[in-house]
PDB file of all heavy atoms in Angstrom:
ATOM      1  N   TYR A   1     380.125 -57.714 118.947  1.00  0.00           N
ATOM      2  CA  TYR A   1     380.855 -56.623 118.317  1.00  0.00           C
ATOM      3  C   TYR A   1     380.279 -55.261 118.709  1.00  0.00           C
ATOM      4  O   TYR A   1     380.978 -54.412 119.230  1.00  0.00           O
ATOM      5  CB  TYR A   1     380.815 -56.784 116.795  1.00  0.00           C
ATOM      6  CG  TYR A   1     381.408 -55.593 116.083  1.00  0.00           C
ATOM      7  CD1 TYR A   1     382.778 -55.376 116.088  1.00  0.00           C
ATOM      8  CD2 TYR A   1     380.600 -54.675 115.437  1.00  0.00           C
ATOM      9  CE1 TYR A   1     383.323 -54.279 115.453  1.00  0.00           C
ATOM     10  CE2 TYR A   1     381.134 -53.575 114.797  1.00  0.00           C
ATOM     11  CZ  TYR A   1     382.497 -53.382 114.814  1.00  0.00           C
ATOM     12  OH  TYR A   1     383.041 -52.298 114.202  1.00  0.00           O
ATOM     13  N   ILE A   2     378.994 -55.044 118.479  1.00  0.00           N
ATOM     14  CA  ILE A   2     378.432 -53.706 118.662  1.00  0.00           C
ATOM     15  C   ILE A   2     378.349 -53.316 120.138  1.00  0.00           C
ATOM     16  O   ILE A   2     378.474 -52.150 120.477  1.00  0.00           O
ATOM     17  CB  ILE A   2     377.058 -53.562 117.959  1.00  0.00           C
ATOM     18  CG1 ILE A   2     376.692 -52.080 117.799  1.00  0.00           C
ATOM     19  CG2 ILE A   2     375.974 -54.324 118.699  1.00  0.00           C
ATOM     20  CD1 ILE A   2     377.587 -51.299 116.887  1.00  0.00           C
ATOM     21  N   ASP A   3     378.159 -54.268 121.025  1.00  0.00           N
ATOM     22  CA  ASP A   3     378.065 -53.942 122.450  1.00  0.00           C
ATOM     23  C   ASP A   3     379.386 -54.113 123.192  1.00  0.00           C
ATOM     24  O   ASP A   3     379.440 -53.997 124.411  1.00  0.00           O
ATOM     25  CB  ASP A   3     376.965 -54.786 123.111  1.00  0.00           C
ATOM     26  CG  ASP A   3     375.573 -54.356 122.664  1.00  0.00           C
ATOM     27  OD1 ASP A   3     375.420 -53.211 122.201  1.00  0.00           O
ATOM     28  OD2 ASP A   3     374.637 -55.175 122.775  1.00  0.00           O
ATOM     29  N   SER A   4     380.452 -54.357 122.454  1.00  0.00           N
ATOM     30  CA  SER A   4     381.774 -54.507 123.064  1.00  0.00           C
ATOM     31  C   SER A   4     382.310 -53.160 123.531  1.00  0.00           C
ATOM     32  O   SER A   4     382.098 -52.129 122.883  1.00  0.00           O
ATOM     33  CB  SER A   4     382.742 -55.114 122.038  1.00  0.00           C
ATOM     34  OG  SER A   4     384.073 -55.001 122.501  1.00  0.00           O
ATOM     35  N   ALA A   5     383.027 -53.173 124.626  1.00  0.00           N
ATOM     36  CA  ALA A   5     383.657 -51.944 125.121  1.00  0.00           C
ATOM     37  C   ALA A   5     384.739 -51.460 124.165  1.00  0.00           C
ATOM     38  O   ALA A   5     385.101 -50.287 124.169  1.00  0.00           O
ATOM     39  CB  ALA A   5     384.256 -52.190 126.508  1.00  0.00           C
ATOM     40  N   ASN A   6     385.268 -52.340 123.327  1.00  0.00           N
ATOM     41  CA  ASN A   6     386.315 -51.955 122.380  1.00  0.00           C
ATOM     42  C   ASN A   6     385.767 -51.294 121.113  1.00  0.00           C
ATOM     43  O   ASN A   6     386.521 -50.718 120.343  1.00  0.00           O
ATOM     44  CB  ASN A   6     387.156 -53.171 121.985  1.00  0.00           C
ATOM     45  CG  ASN A   6     387.983 -53.678 123.146  1.00  0.00           C
ATOM     46  OD1 ASN A   6     388.374 -52.909 124.018  1.00  0.00           O
ATOM     47  ND2 ASN A   6     388.223 -54.963 123.175  1.00  0.00           N
ATOM     48  N   THR A   7     384.476 -51.405 120.874  1.00  0.00           N
ATOM     49  CA  THR A   7     383.886 -50.796 119.682  1.00  0.00           C
ATOM     50  C   THR A   7     383.786 -49.289 119.897  1.00  0.00           C
ATOM     51  O   THR A   7     383.204 -48.839 120.890  1.00  0.00           O
ATOM     52  CB  THR A   7     382.485 -51.383 119.408  1.00  0.00           C
ATOM     53  OG1 THR A   7     382.625 -52.796 119.223  1.00  0.00           O
ATOM     54  CG2 THR A   7     381.862 -50.764 118.177  1.00  0.00           C
ATOM     55  N   PRO A   8     384.356 -48.512 118.995  1.00  0.00           N
ATOM     56  CA  PRO A   8     384.319 -47.050 119.171  1.00  0.00           C
ATOM     57  C   PRO A   8     382.888 -46.512 119.114  1.00  0.00           C
ATOM     58  O   PRO A   8     382.035 -47.053 118.394  1.00  0.00           O
ATOM     59  CB  PRO A   8     385.116 -46.520 117.976  1.00  0.00           C
ATOM     60  CG  PRO A   8     385.832 -47.684 117.398  1.00  0.00           C
ATOM     61  CD  PRO A   8     385.090 -48.913 117.799  1.00  0.00           C
ATOM     62  N   ASN A   9     382.641 -45.459 119.876  1.00  0.00           N
ATOM     63  CA  ASN A   9     381.322 -44.824 119.855  1.00  0.00           C
ATOM     64  C   ASN A   9     380.981 -44.305 118.461  1.00  0.00           C
ATOM     65  O   ASN A   9     379.807 -44.211 118.109  1.00  0.00           O
ATOM     66  CB  ASN A   9     381.249 -43.684 120.871  1.00  0.00           C
ATOM     67  CG  ASN A   9     381.039 -44.206 122.276  1.00  0.00           C
ATOM     68  OD1 ASN A   9     380.515 -45.292 122.473  1.00  0.00           O
ATOM     69  ND2 ASN A   9     381.459 -43.425 123.259  1.00  0.00           N
ATOM     70  N   SER A  10     381.991 -43.992 117.669  1.00  0.00           N
ATOM     71  CA  SER A  10     381.721 -43.509 116.306  1.00  0.00           C
ATOM     72  C   SER A  10     381.002 -44.577 115.479  1.00  0.00           C
ATOM     73  O   SER A  10     380.199 -44.257 114.605  1.00  0.00           O
ATOM     74  CB  SER A  10     383.019 -43.084 115.618  1.00  0.00           C
ATOM     75  OG  SER A  10     383.909 -44.180 115.514  1.00  0.00           O
ATOM     76  N   VAL A  11     381.256 -45.854 115.760  1.00  0.00           N
ATOM     77  CA  VAL A  11     380.574 -46.946 115.054  1.00  0.00           C
ATOM     78  C   VAL A  11     379.112 -46.980 115.469  1.00  0.00           C
ATOM     79  O   VAL A  11     378.215 -47.087 114.630  1.00  0.00           O
ATOM     80  CB  VAL A  11     381.269 -48.301 115.325  1.00  0.00           C
ATOM     81  CG1 VAL A  11     380.441 -49.459 114.796  1.00  0.00           C
ATOM     82  CG2 VAL A  11     382.654 -48.296 114.726  1.00  0.00           C
ATOM     83  N   ARG A  12     378.853 -46.871 116.766  1.00  0.00           N
ATOM     84  CA  ARG A  12     377.469 -46.842 117.247  1.00  0.00           C
ATOM     85  C   ARG A  12     376.735 -45.635 116.659  1.00  0.00           C
ATOM     86  O   ARG A  12     375.589 -45.738 116.234  1.00  0.00           O
ATOM     87  CB  ARG A  12     377.426 -46.809 118.759  1.00  0.00           C
ATOM     88  CG  ARG A  12     377.852 -48.106 119.405  1.00  0.00           C
ATOM     89  CD  ARG A  12     377.737 -48.038 120.929  1.00  0.00           C
ATOM     90  NE  ARG A  12     378.385 -49.180 121.507  1.00  0.00           N
ATOM     91  CZ  ARG A  12     379.679 -49.245 121.813  1.00  0.00           C
ATOM     92  NH1 ARG A  12     380.456 -48.211 121.623  1.00  0.00           N
ATOM     93  NH2 ARG A  12     380.191 -50.342 122.322  1.00  0.00           N
ATOM     94  N   ARG A  13     377.392 -44.505 116.659  1.00  0.00           N
ATOM     95  CA  ARG A  13     376.799 -43.282 116.118  1.00  0.00           C
ATOM     96  C   ARG A  13     376.473 -43.470 114.628  1.00  0.00           C
ATOM     97  O   ARG A  13     375.395 -43.092 114.169  1.00  0.00           O
ATOM     98  CB  ARG A  13     377.738 -42.091 116.301  1.00  0.00           C
ATOM     99  CG  ARG A  13     377.148 -40.778 115.842  1.00  0.00           C
ATOM    100  CD  ARG A  13     378.083 -39.589 116.057  1.00  0.00           C
ATOM    101  NE  ARG A  13     378.602 -39.517 117.404  1.00  0.00           N
ATOM    102  CZ  ARG A  13     379.880 -39.756 117.750  1.00  0.00           C
ATOM    103  NH1 ARG A  13     380.774 -40.064 116.818  1.00  0.00           N
ATOM    104  NH2 ARG A  13     380.263 -39.672 118.998  1.00  0.00           N
ATOM    105  N   PHE A  14     377.390 -44.059 113.890  1.00  0.00           N
ATOM    106  CA  PHE A  14     377.160 -44.335 112.469  1.00  0.00           C
ATOM    107  C   PHE A  14     375.914 -45.193 112.283  1.00  0.00           C
ATOM    108  O   PHE A  14     375.067 -44.914 111.424  1.00  0.00           O
ATOM    109  CB  PHE A  14     378.383 -45.031 111.860  1.00  0.00           C
ATOM    110  CG  PHE A  14     378.174 -45.470 110.443  1.00  0.00           C
ATOM    111  CD1 PHE A  14     378.402 -44.591 109.393  1.00  0.00           C
ATOM    112  CD2 PHE A  14     377.720 -46.754 110.157  1.00  0.00           C
ATOM    113  CE1 PHE A  14     378.193 -44.994 108.079  1.00  0.00           C
ATOM    114  CE2 PHE A  14     377.496 -47.163 108.848  1.00  0.00           C
ATOM    115  CZ  PHE A  14     377.733 -46.274 107.801  1.00  0.00           C
ATOM    116  N   CYS A  15     375.790 -46.262 113.072  1.00  0.00           N
ATOM    117  CA  CYS A  15     374.652 -47.172 112.953  1.00  0.00           C
ATOM    118  C   CYS A  15     373.347 -46.470 113.339  1.00  0.00           C
ATOM    119  O   CYS A  15     372.319 -46.652 112.675  1.00  0.00           O
ATOM    120  CB  CYS A  15     374.871 -48.414 113.815  1.00  0.00           C
ATOM    121  SG  CYS A  15     376.233 -49.459 113.238  1.00  0.00           S
ATOM    122  N   MET A  16     373.380 -45.673 114.401  1.00  0.00           N
ATOM    123  CA  MET A  16     372.186 -44.928 114.805  1.00  0.00           C
ATOM    124  C   MET A  16     371.735 -43.987 113.696  1.00  0.00           C
ATOM    125  O   MET A  16     370.551 -43.933 113.350  1.00  0.00           O
ATOM    126  CB  MET A  16     372.463 -44.113 116.074  1.00  0.00           C
ATOM    127  CG  MET A  16     372.621 -44.914 117.327  1.00  0.00           C
ATOM    128  SD  MET A  16     373.028 -43.800 118.698  1.00  0.00           S
ATOM    129  CE  MET A  16     373.657 -44.955 119.890  1.00  0.00           C
ATOM    130  N   GLN A  17     372.685 -43.247 113.134  1.00  0.00           N
ATOM    131  CA  GLN A  17     372.348 -42.287 112.083  1.00  0.00           C
ATOM    132  C   GLN A  17     371.834 -43.002 110.844  1.00  0.00           C
ATOM    133  O   GLN A  17     370.890 -42.545 110.194  1.00  0.00           O
ATOM    134  CB  GLN A  17     373.550 -41.405 111.740  1.00  0.00           C
ATOM    135  CG  GLN A  17     373.213 -40.268 110.805  1.00  0.00           C
ATOM    136  CD  GLN A  17     372.227 -39.291 111.423  1.00  0.00           C
ATOM    137  OE1 GLN A  17     372.483 -38.707 112.462  1.00  0.00           O
ATOM    138  NE2 GLN A  17     371.079 -39.120 110.788  1.00  0.00           N
ATOM    139  N   ALA A  18     372.422 -44.152 110.530  1.00  0.00           N
ATOM    140  CA  ALA A  18     371.979 -44.910 109.354  1.00  0.00           C
ATOM    141  C   ALA A  18     370.528 -45.355 109.512  1.00  0.00           C
ATOM    142  O   ALA A  18     369.747 -45.277 108.555  1.00  0.00           O
ATOM    143  CB  ALA A  18     372.894 -46.120 109.125  1.00  0.00           C
ATOM    144  N   THR A  19     370.129 -45.799 110.704  1.00  0.00           N
ATOM    145  CA  THR A  19     368.737 -46.229 110.898  1.00  0.00           C
ATOM    146  C   THR A  19     367.786 -45.036 110.844  1.00  0.00           C
ATOM    147  O   THR A  19     366.692 -45.143 110.287  1.00  0.00           O
ATOM    148  CB  THR A  19     368.548 -47.008 112.210  1.00  0.00           C
ATOM    149  OG1 THR A  19     368.942 -46.200 113.308  1.00  0.00           O
ATOM    150  CG2 THR A  19     369.342 -48.296 112.202  1.00  0.00           C
ATOM    151  N   ILE A  20     368.189 -43.912 111.397  1.00  0.00           N
ATOM    152  CA  ILE A  20     367.355 -42.701 111.323  1.00  0.00           C
ATOM    153  C   ILE A  20     367.181 -42.284 109.866  1.00  0.00           C
ATOM    154  O   ILE A  20     366.080 -41.929 109.428  1.00  0.00           O
ATOM    155  CB  ILE A  20     367.966 -41.562 112.174  1.00  0.00           C
ATOM    156  CG1 ILE A  20     367.901 -41.925 113.661  1.00  0.00           C
ATOM    157  CG2 ILE A  20     367.263 -40.235 111.901  1.00  0.00           C
ATOM    158  CD1 ILE A  20     368.696 -41.000 114.566  1.00  0.00           C
ATOM    159  N   ASP A  21     368.257 -42.336 109.105  1.00  0.00           N
ATOM    160  CA  ASP A  21     368.177 -41.983 107.685  1.00  0.00           C
ATOM    161  C   ASP A  21     367.253 -42.934 106.926  1.00  0.00           C
ATOM    162  O   ASP A  21     366.544 -42.522 106.009  1.00  0.00           O
ATOM    163  CB  ASP A  21     369.570 -41.977 107.051  1.00  0.00           C
ATOM    164  CG  ASP A  21     370.459 -40.863 107.592  1.00  0.00           C
ATOM    165  OD1 ASP A  21     369.927 -39.915 108.218  1.00  0.00           O
ATOM    166  OD2 ASP A  21     371.685 -40.951 107.389  1.00  0.00           O
ATOM    167  N   ARG A  22     367.249 -44.223 107.288  1.00  0.00           N
ATOM    168  CA  ARG A  22     366.365 -45.177 106.613  1.00  0.00           C
ATOM    169  C   ARG A  22     364.904 -44.932 106.976  1.00  0.00           C
ATOM    170  O   ARG A  22     364.012 -45.162 106.160  1.00  0.00           O
ATOM    171  CB  ARG A  22     366.760 -46.610 106.929  1.00  0.00           C
ATOM    172  CG  ARG A  22     368.031 -47.068 106.256  1.00  0.00           C
ATOM    173  CD  ARG A  22     368.126 -46.685 104.804  1.00  0.00           C
ATOM    174  NE  ARG A  22     367.403 -47.573 103.926  1.00  0.00           N
ATOM    175  CZ  ARG A  22     367.409 -47.507 102.595  1.00  0.00           C
ATOM    176  NH1 ARG A  22     368.110 -46.590 101.981  1.00  0.00           N
ATOM    177  NH2 ARG A  22     366.714 -48.350 101.883  1.00  0.00           N
ATOM    178  N   VAL A  23     364.639 -44.477 108.189  1.00  0.00           N
ATOM    179  CA  VAL A  23     363.268 -44.097 108.554  1.00  0.00           C
ATOM    180  C   VAL A  23     362.810 -42.966 107.643  1.00  0.00           C
ATOM    181  O   VAL A  23     361.717 -43.012 107.072  1.00  0.00           O
ATOM    182  CB  VAL A  23     363.170 -43.687 110.045  1.00  0.00           C
ATOM    183  CG1 VAL A  23     361.851 -42.986 110.334  1.00  0.00           C
ATOM    184  CG2 VAL A  23     363.346 -44.898 110.942  1.00  0.00           C
ATOM    185  N   GLU A  24     363.658 -41.969 107.487  1.00  0.00           N
ATOM    186  CA  GLU A  24     363.331 -40.848 106.601  1.00  0.00           C
ATOM    187  C   GLU A  24     363.095 -41.349 105.171  1.00  0.00           C
ATOM    188  O   GLU A  24     362.152 -40.918 104.502  1.00  0.00           O
ATOM    189  CB  GLU A  24     364.463 -39.820 106.629  1.00  0.00           C
ATOM    190  CG  GLU A  24     364.215 -38.619 105.749  1.00  0.00           C
ATOM    191  CD  GLU A  24     365.384 -37.652 105.739  1.00  0.00           C
ATOM    192  OE1 GLU A  24     366.555 -38.095 105.835  1.00  0.00           O
ATOM    193  OE2 GLU A  24     365.123 -36.447 105.641  1.00  0.00           O
ATOM    194  N   TYR A  25     363.929 -42.262 104.709  1.00  0.00           N
ATOM    195  CA  TYR A  25     363.788 -42.805 103.360  1.00  0.00           C
ATOM    196  C   TYR A  25     362.450 -43.540 103.195  1.00  0.00           C
ATOM    197  O   TYR A  25     361.734 -43.320 102.223  1.00  0.00           O
ATOM    198  CB  TYR A  25     364.958 -43.750 103.053  1.00  0.00           C
ATOM    199  CG  TYR A  25     364.776 -44.531 101.788  1.00  0.00           C
ATOM    200  CD1 TYR A  25     364.947 -43.929 100.540  1.00  0.00           C
ATOM    201  CD2 TYR A  25     364.413 -45.873 101.822  1.00  0.00           C
ATOM    202  CE1 TYR A  25     364.763 -44.651  99.368  1.00  0.00           C
ATOM    203  CE2 TYR A  25     364.229 -46.596 100.663  1.00  0.00           C
ATOM    204  CZ  TYR A  25     364.407 -45.978  99.439  1.00  0.00           C
ATOM    205  OH  TYR A  25     364.214 -46.689  98.277  1.00  0.00           O
ATOM    206  N   LEU A  26     362.110 -44.417 104.149  1.00  0.00           N
ATOM    207  CA  LEU A  26     360.859 -45.164 104.050  1.00  0.00           C
ATOM    208  C   LEU A  26     359.649 -44.232 104.068  1.00  0.00           C
ATOM    209  O   LEU A  26     358.682 -44.448 103.337  1.00  0.00           O
ATOM    210  CB  LEU A  26     360.748 -46.190 105.177  1.00  0.00           C
ATOM    211  CG  LEU A  26     361.600 -47.439 105.035  1.00  0.00           C
ATOM    212  CD1 LEU A  26     361.491 -48.310 106.278  1.00  0.00           C
ATOM    213  CD2 LEU A  26     361.204 -48.227 103.795  1.00  0.00           C
ATOM    214  N   ILE A  27     359.714 -43.191 104.877  1.00  0.00           N
ATOM    215  CA  ILE A  27     358.615 -42.221 104.922  1.00  0.00           C
ATOM    216  C   ILE A  27     358.455 -41.551 103.564  1.00  0.00           C
ATOM    217  O   ILE A  27     357.335 -41.317 103.103  1.00  0.00           O
ATOM    218  CB  ILE A  27     358.844 -41.194 106.049  1.00  0.00           C
ATOM    219  CG1 ILE A  27     358.684 -41.876 107.411  1.00  0.00           C
ATOM    220  CG2 ILE A  27     357.889 -40.008 105.915  1.00  0.00           C
ATOM    221  CD1 ILE A  27     359.111 -41.021 108.589  1.00  0.00           C
ATOM    222  N   SER A  28     359.573 -41.279 102.901  1.00  0.00           N
ATOM    223  CA  SER A  28     359.503 -40.629 101.581  1.00  0.00           C
ATOM    224  C   SER A  28     358.862 -41.535 100.531  1.00  0.00           C
ATOM    225  O   SER A  28     358.377 -41.052  99.513  1.00  0.00           O
ATOM    226  CB  SER A  28     360.893 -40.199 101.119  1.00  0.00           C
ATOM    227  OG  SER A  28     361.652 -41.320 100.683  1.00  0.00           O
ATOM    228  N   LEU A  29     358.830 -42.858 100.774  1.00  0.00           N
ATOM    229  CA  LEU A  29     358.247 -43.809  99.829  1.00  0.00           C
ATOM    230  C   LEU A  29     356.738 -43.993 100.019  1.00  0.00           C
ATOM    231  O   LEU A  29     356.088 -44.606  99.173  1.00  0.00           O
ATOM    232  CB  LEU A  29     358.903 -45.185  99.979  1.00  0.00           C
ATOM    233  CG  LEU A  29     360.378 -45.317  99.636  1.00  0.00           C
ATOM    234  CD1 LEU A  29     360.830 -46.755  99.873  1.00  0.00           C
ATOM    235  CD2 LEU A  29     360.648 -44.896  98.208  1.00  0.00           C
ATOM    236  N   LYS A  30     356.191 -43.490 101.117  1.00  0.00           N
ATOM    237  CA  LYS A  30     354.781 -43.738 101.431  1.00  0.00           C
ATOM    238  C   LYS A  30     353.860 -43.202 100.333  1.00  0.00           C
ATOM    239  O   LYS A  30     354.054 -42.100  99.836  1.00  0.00           O
ATOM    240  CB  LYS A  30     354.415 -43.113 102.774  1.00  0.00           C
ATOM    241  CG  LYS A  30     354.957 -43.894 103.938  1.00  0.00           C
ATOM    242  CD  LYS A  30     354.809 -43.243 105.275  1.00  0.00           C
ATOM    243  CE  LYS A  30     353.447 -42.880 105.691  1.00  0.00           C
ATOM    244  NZ  LYS A  30     353.365 -42.466 107.090  1.00  0.00           N
ATOM    245  N   THR A  31     352.870 -44.025 100.002  1.00  0.00           N
ATOM    246  CA  THR A  31     351.854 -43.635  99.028  1.00  0.00           C
ATOM    247  C   THR A  31     350.564 -43.318  99.790  1.00  0.00           C
ATOM    248  O   THR A  31     350.507 -43.436 101.023  1.00  0.00           O
ATOM    249  CB  THR A  31     351.586 -44.784  98.038  1.00  0.00           C
ATOM    250  OG1 THR A  31     351.025 -45.888  98.761  1.00  0.00           O
ATOM    251  CG2 THR A  31     352.846 -45.210  97.317  1.00  0.00           C
ATOM    252  N   GLU A  32     349.536 -42.970  99.067  1.00  0.00           N
ATOM    253  CA  GLU A  32     348.239 -42.681  99.683  1.00  0.00           C
ATOM    254  C   GLU A  32     347.733 -43.896 100.466  1.00  0.00           C
ATOM    255  O   GLU A  32     347.155 -43.762 101.536  1.00  0.00           O
ATOM    256  CB  GLU A  32     347.235 -42.265  98.603  1.00  0.00           C
ATOM    257  CG  GLU A  32     345.892 -41.844  99.128  1.00  0.00           C
ATOM    258  CD  GLU A  32     345.942 -40.616 100.018  1.00  0.00           C
ATOM    259  OE1 GLU A  32     346.846 -39.766  99.832  1.00  0.00           O
ATOM    260  OE2 GLU A  32     345.083 -40.508 100.922  1.00  0.00           O
ATOM    261  N   LYS A  33     347.977 -45.087  99.943  1.00  0.00           N
ATOM    262  CA  LYS A  33     347.559 -46.334 100.605  1.00  0.00           C
ATOM    263  C   LYS A  33     348.270 -46.523 101.957  1.00  0.00           C
ATOM    264  O   LYS A  33     347.704 -47.090 102.883  1.00  0.00           O
ATOM    265  CB  LYS A  33     347.862 -47.508  99.680  1.00  0.00           C
ATOM    266  CG  LYS A  33     347.570 -48.866 100.245  1.00  0.00           C
ATOM    267  CD  LYS A  33     348.007 -49.945  99.279  1.00  0.00           C
ATOM    268  CE  LYS A  33     348.091 -51.270  99.992  1.00  0.00           C
ATOM    269  NZ  LYS A  33     348.793 -52.275  99.228  1.00  0.00           N
ATOM    270  N   GLU A  34     349.487 -46.033 102.058  1.00  0.00           N
ATOM    271  CA  GLU A  34     350.309 -46.243 103.257  1.00  0.00           C
ATOM    272  C   GLU A  34     350.364 -45.016 104.154  1.00  0.00           C
ATOM    273  O   GLU A  34     351.165 -44.972 105.087  1.00  0.00           O
ATOM    274  CB  GLU A  34     351.727 -46.629 102.818  1.00  0.00           C
ATOM    275  CG  GLU A  34     351.747 -47.930 102.044  1.00  0.00           C
ATOM    276  CD  GLU A  34     352.793 -47.952 100.949  1.00  0.00           C
ATOM    277  OE1 GLU A  34     353.299 -46.876 100.576  1.00  0.00           O
ATOM    278  OE2 GLU A  34     353.071 -49.047 100.442  1.00  0.00           O
ATOM    279  N   LYS A  35     349.515 -44.039 103.913  1.00  0.00           N
ATOM    280  CA  LYS A  35     349.596 -42.761 104.645  1.00  0.00           C
ATOM    281  C   LYS A  35     349.410 -42.920 106.153  1.00  0.00           C
ATOM    282  O   LYS A  35     349.932 -42.121 106.920  1.00  0.00           O
ATOM    283  CB  LYS A  35     348.612 -41.746 104.085  1.00  0.00           C
ATOM    284  CG  LYS A  35     347.151 -42.023 104.359  1.00  0.00           C
ATOM    285  CD  LYS A  35     346.297 -40.931 103.761  1.00  0.00           C
ATOM    286  CE  LYS A  35     344.837 -40.994 103.971  1.00  0.00           C
ATOM    287  NZ  LYS A  35     344.118 -42.093 104.371  1.00  0.00           N
ATOM    288  N   ASP A  36     348.693 -43.961 106.594  1.00  0.00           N
ATOM    289  CA  ASP A  36     348.450 -44.152 108.023  1.00  0.00           C
ATOM    290  C   ASP A  36     349.523 -45.004 108.714  1.00  0.00           C
ATOM    291  O   ASP A  36     349.473 -45.197 109.923  1.00  0.00           O
ATOM    292  CB  ASP A  36     347.084 -44.791 108.243  1.00  0.00           C
ATOM    293  CG  ASP A  36     345.951 -43.857 107.836  1.00  0.00           C
ATOM    294  OD1 ASP A  36     346.144 -42.625 107.915  1.00  0.00           O
ATOM    295  OD2 ASP A  36     344.878 -44.356 107.438  1.00  0.00           O
ATOM    296  N   TYR A  37     350.462 -45.525 107.952  1.00  0.00           N
ATOM    297  CA  TYR A  37     351.543 -46.315 108.545  1.00  0.00           C
ATOM    298  C   TYR A  37     352.407 -45.406 109.414  1.00  0.00           C
ATOM    299  O   TYR A  37     352.589 -44.233 109.109  1.00  0.00           O
ATOM    300  CB  TYR A  37     352.431 -46.935 107.472  1.00  0.00           C
ATOM    301  CG  TYR A  37     351.800 -48.031 106.652  1.00  0.00           C
ATOM    302  CD1 TYR A  37     350.448 -48.343 106.714  1.00  0.00           C
ATOM    303  CD2 TYR A  37     352.578 -48.759 105.776  1.00  0.00           C
ATOM    304  CE1 TYR A  37     349.895 -49.342 105.941  1.00  0.00           C
ATOM    305  CE2 TYR A  37     352.033 -49.768 104.993  1.00  0.00           C
ATOM    306  CZ  TYR A  37     350.700 -50.046 105.075  1.00  0.00           C
ATOM    307  OH  TYR A  37     350.168 -51.044 104.303  1.00  0.00           O
ATOM    308  N   ARG A  38     352.950 -45.971 110.475  1.00  0.00           N
ATOM    309  CA  ARG A  38     353.889 -45.247 111.332  1.00  0.00           C
ATOM    310  C   ARG A  38     355.234 -45.944 111.232  1.00  0.00           C
ATOM    311  O   ARG A  38     355.360 -47.125 111.526  1.00  0.00           O
ATOM    312  CB  ARG A  38     353.431 -45.264 112.784  1.00  0.00           C
ATOM    313  CG  ARG A  38     352.050 -44.734 113.015  1.00  0.00           C
ATOM    314  CD  ARG A  38     352.117 -43.304 113.478  1.00  0.00           C
ATOM    315  NE  ARG A  38     350.816 -42.900 113.965  1.00  0.00           N
ATOM    316  CZ  ARG A  38     350.641 -42.193 115.043  1.00  0.00           C
ATOM    317  NH1 ARG A  38     351.659 -41.805 115.757  1.00  0.00           N
ATOM    318  NH2 ARG A  38     349.432 -41.849 115.411  1.00  0.00           N
ATOM    319  N   ILE A  39     356.245 -45.184 110.822  1.00  0.00           N
ATOM    320  CA  ILE A  39     357.577 -45.743 110.597  1.00  0.00           C
ATOM    321  C   ILE A  39     358.530 -45.136 111.623  1.00  0.00           C
ATOM    322  O   ILE A  39     358.578 -43.918 111.784  1.00  0.00           O
ATOM    323  CB  ILE A  39     358.043 -45.453 109.160  1.00  0.00           C
ATOM    324  CG1 ILE A  39     357.044 -46.065 108.166  1.00  0.00           C
ATOM    325  CG2 ILE A  39     359.448 -45.984 108.933  1.00  0.00           C
ATOM    326  CD1 ILE A  39     357.268 -45.675 106.723  1.00  0.00           C
ATOM    327  N   LEU A  40     359.289 -46.001 112.319  1.00  0.00           N
ATOM    328  CA  LEU A  40     360.213 -45.510 113.327  1.00  0.00           C
ATOM    329  C   LEU A  40     361.338 -46.504 113.563  1.00  0.00           C
ATOM    330  O   LEU A  40     361.292 -47.632 113.090  1.00  0.00           O
ATOM    331  CB  LEU A  40     359.482 -45.203 114.635  1.00  0.00           C
ATOM    332  CG  LEU A  40     358.610 -46.287 115.230  1.00  0.00           C
ATOM    333  CD1 LEU A  40     358.901 -46.417 116.712  1.00  0.00           C
ATOM    334  CD2 LEU A  40     357.158 -45.880 115.043  1.00  0.00           C
ATOM    335  N   THR A  41     362.316 -46.051 114.293  1.00  0.00           N
ATOM    336  CA  THR A  41     363.395 -46.926 114.724  1.00  0.00           C
ATOM    337  C   THR A  41     363.509 -46.828 116.239  1.00  0.00           C
ATOM    338  O   THR A  41     363.185 -45.798 116.831  1.00  0.00           O
ATOM    339  CB  THR A  41     364.742 -46.556 114.063  1.00  0.00           C
ATOM    340  OG1 THR A  41     365.737 -47.525 114.446  1.00  0.00           O
ATOM    341  CG2 THR A  41     365.239 -45.189 114.453  1.00  0.00           C
ATOM    342  N   SER A  42     363.927 -47.918 116.854  1.00  0.00           N
ATOM    343  CA  SER A  42     364.222 -47.884 118.288  1.00  0.00           C
ATOM    344  C   SER A  42     365.732 -47.968 118.452  1.00  0.00           C
ATOM    345  O   SER A  42     366.406 -48.707 117.729  1.00  0.00           O
ATOM    346  CB  SER A  42     363.543 -49.052 119.020  1.00  0.00           C
ATOM    347  OG  SER A  42     364.143 -50.276 118.665  1.00  0.00           O
TER     348      SER A  42
END
């Protein structure tokens, strides 16, 4: 589905933005214990 030529780029863009937003969300949850964790998306 996601790698199909028929899937609109807007769907891929939505998924990319959603993962970036979740990275931001997880970073906002970090406590002092987790300060050295590195959170990212590929």
